[in-house]
């Protein structure tokens, strides 16, 4: 499930503000299913965002649906 996580530091931001921003810029089907506002994103000592930590906390998944290749029969039936 796609989740948007926003770290807000300067000005107050509400879910309604995020929804309005997304509506102006994205097609409806591209909107995330959930929105979260946090004070700060988890980071490692080098300053990189810990995406796995975000997935664990907020339930976002890296892959969606079944991405395995379709299977086909390779044998031929003769009449």
C-alpha atoms as a PDB file:
ATOM      1  CA  UNK A   1       0.000   0.000   0.000  1.00  0.00           C
ATOM      2  CA  UNK A   2       1.537   3.348  -0.999  1.00  0.00           C
ATOM      3  CA  UNK A   3       2.056   5.709   1.928  1.00  0.00           C
ATOM      4  CA  UNK A   4       3.276   9.318   1.829  1.00  0.00           C
ATOM      5  CA  UNK A   5       5.296  10.493   4.820  1.00  0.00           C
ATOM      6  CA  UNK A   6       6.017  14.205   5.204  1.00  0.00           C
ATOM      7  CA  UNK A   7       8.522  15.635   7.666  1.00  0.00           C
ATOM      8  CA  UNK A   8       7.426  19.155   8.537  1.00  0.00           C
ATOM      9  CA  UNK A   9       9.713  21.553  10.400  1.00  0.00           C
ATOM     10  CA  UNK A  10       8.948  25.162   9.430  1.00  0.00           C
ATOM     11  CA  UNK A  11       5.208  25.682   9.179  1.00  0.00           C
ATOM     12  CA  UNK A  12       2.201  23.742  10.409  1.00  0.00           C
ATOM     13  CA  UNK A  13       0.894  21.337   7.799  1.00  0.00           C
ATOM     14  CA  UNK A  14      -2.300  19.329   7.918  1.00  0.00           C
ATOM     15  CA  UNK A  15      -3.586  16.298   6.072  1.00  0.00           C
ATOM     16  CA  UNK A  16      -5.980  18.585   4.189  1.00  0.00           C
ATOM     17  CA  UNK A  17      -3.040  20.667   2.943  1.00  0.00           C
ATOM     18  CA  UNK A  18      -1.238  17.554   1.702  1.00  0.00           C
ATOM     19  CA  UNK A  19      -4.372  16.254   0.008  1.00  0.00           C
ATOM     20  CA  UNK A  20      -4.904  19.589  -1.758  1.00  0.00           C
ATOM     21  CA  UNK A  21      -1.249  19.665  -2.877  1.00  0.00           C
ATOM     22  CA  UNK A  22      -1.512  16.140  -4.300  1.00  0.00           C
ATOM     23  CA  UNK A  23      -4.832  16.857  -6.012  1.00  0.00           C
ATOM     24  CA  UNK A  24      -3.301  19.815  -7.859  1.00  0.00           C
ATOM     25  CA  UNK A  25      -0.263  17.820  -9.045  1.00  0.00           C
ATOM     26  CA  UNK A  26      -1.163  14.138  -9.388  1.00  0.00           C
ATOM     27  CA  UNK A  27      -3.835  12.089 -11.075  1.00  0.00           C
ATOM     28  CA  UNK A  28      -6.259  10.621  -8.522  1.00  0.00           C
ATOM     29  CA  UNK A  29      -5.046   7.053  -9.072  1.00  0.00           C
ATOM     30  CA  UNK A  30      -1.492   8.135  -8.145  1.00  0.00           C
ATOM     31  CA  UNK A  31      -2.496   9.434  -4.697  1.00  0.00           C
ATOM     32  CA  UNK A  32      -1.087   7.459  -1.761  1.00  0.00           C
ATOM     33  CA  UNK A  33      -3.571   5.385   0.234  1.00  0.00           C
ATOM     34  CA  UNK A  34      -2.355   6.902   3.511  1.00  0.00           C
ATOM     35  CA  UNK A  35      -0.699  10.158   4.581  1.00  0.00           C
ATOM     36  CA  UNK A  36       1.494  10.553   7.668  1.00  0.00           C
ATOM     37  CA  UNK A  37       3.011  13.746   9.080  1.00  0.00           C
ATOM     38  CA  UNK A  38       6.102  13.304  11.260  1.00  0.00           C
ATOM     39  CA  UNK A  39       8.541  15.649  12.984  1.00  0.00           C
ATOM     40  CA  UNK A  40      11.614  14.034  11.414  1.00  0.00           C
ATOM     41  CA  UNK A  41      12.533  11.125   9.166  1.00  0.00           C
ATOM     42  CA  UNK A  42      14.721   8.368  10.650  1.00  0.00           C
ATOM     43  CA  UNK A  43      18.290   8.715   9.369  1.00  0.00           C
ATOM     44  CA  UNK A  44      21.548   6.791   9.619  1.00  0.00           C
ATOM     45  CA  UNK A  45      24.809   8.431  10.812  1.00  0.00           C
ATOM     46  CA  UNK A  46      25.579   9.490   7.212  1.00  0.00           C
ATOM     47  CA  UNK A  47      22.249  11.355   7.019  1.00  0.00           C
ATOM     48  CA  UNK A  48      20.501   8.974   4.621  1.00  0.00           C
ATOM     49  CA  UNK A  49      16.802   8.245   5.188  1.00  0.00           C
ATOM     50  CA  UNK A  50      16.212   4.776   6.651  1.00  0.00           C
ATOM     51  CA  UNK A  51      13.533   3.567   4.245  1.00  0.00           C
ATOM     52  CA  UNK A  52      13.318   0.126   5.848  1.00  0.00           C
ATOM     53  CA  UNK A  53      12.545   1.791   9.193  1.00  0.00           C
ATOM     54  CA  UNK A  54       9.753   3.805   7.547  1.00  0.00           C
ATOM     55  CA  UNK A  55       8.313   0.632   6.011  1.00  0.00           C
ATOM     56  CA  UNK A  56       8.361  -1.102   9.393  1.00  0.00           C
ATOM     57  CA  UNK A  57       6.756   1.852  11.189  1.00  0.00           C
ATOM     58  CA  UNK A  58       4.093   2.781   8.664  1.00  0.00           C
ATOM     59  CA  UNK A  59       3.463  -0.467   6.844  1.00  0.00           C
ATOM     60  CA  UNK A  60       4.524   0.593   3.353  1.00  0.00           C
ATOM     61  CA  UNK A  61       5.758  -2.217   1.144  1.00  0.00           C
ATOM     62  CA  UNK A  62       8.579  -2.028  -1.354  1.00  0.00           C
ATOM     63  CA  UNK A  63       6.751  -4.167  -3.915  1.00  0.00           C
ATOM     64  CA  UNK A  64       3.078  -4.300  -4.721  1.00  0.00           C
ATOM     65  CA  UNK A  65       1.175  -7.339  -5.875  1.00  0.00           C
ATOM     66  CA  UNK A  66       2.523 -10.460  -7.461  1.00  0.00           C
ATOM     67  CA  UNK A  67       5.473  -9.600  -9.664  1.00  0.00           C
ATOM     68  CA  UNK A  68       6.379 -13.119 -10.746  1.00  0.00           C
ATOM     69  CA  UNK A  69       6.509 -13.907 -14.443  1.00  0.00           C
ATOM     70  CA  UNK A  70       3.514 -15.712 -15.938  1.00  0.00           C
ATOM     71  CA  UNK A  71       3.948 -19.424 -16.571  1.00  0.00           C
ATOM     72  CA  UNK A  72       3.134 -21.083 -19.865  1.00  0.00           C
ATOM     73  CA  UNK A  73       3.043 -24.684 -20.932  1.00  0.00           C
ATOM     74  CA  UNK A  74       5.979 -25.594 -23.186  1.00  0.00           C
ATOM     75  CA  UNK A  75       4.570 -28.911 -24.367  1.00  0.00           C
ATOM     76  CA  UNK A  76       2.654 -29.174 -27.607  1.00  0.00           C
ATOM     77  CA  UNK A  77      -0.347 -31.394 -27.999  1.00  0.00           C
ATOM     78  CA  UNK A  78      -0.575 -33.146 -31.357  1.00  0.00           C
ATOM     79  CA  UNK A  79      -4.035 -33.942 -32.756  1.00  0.00           C
END
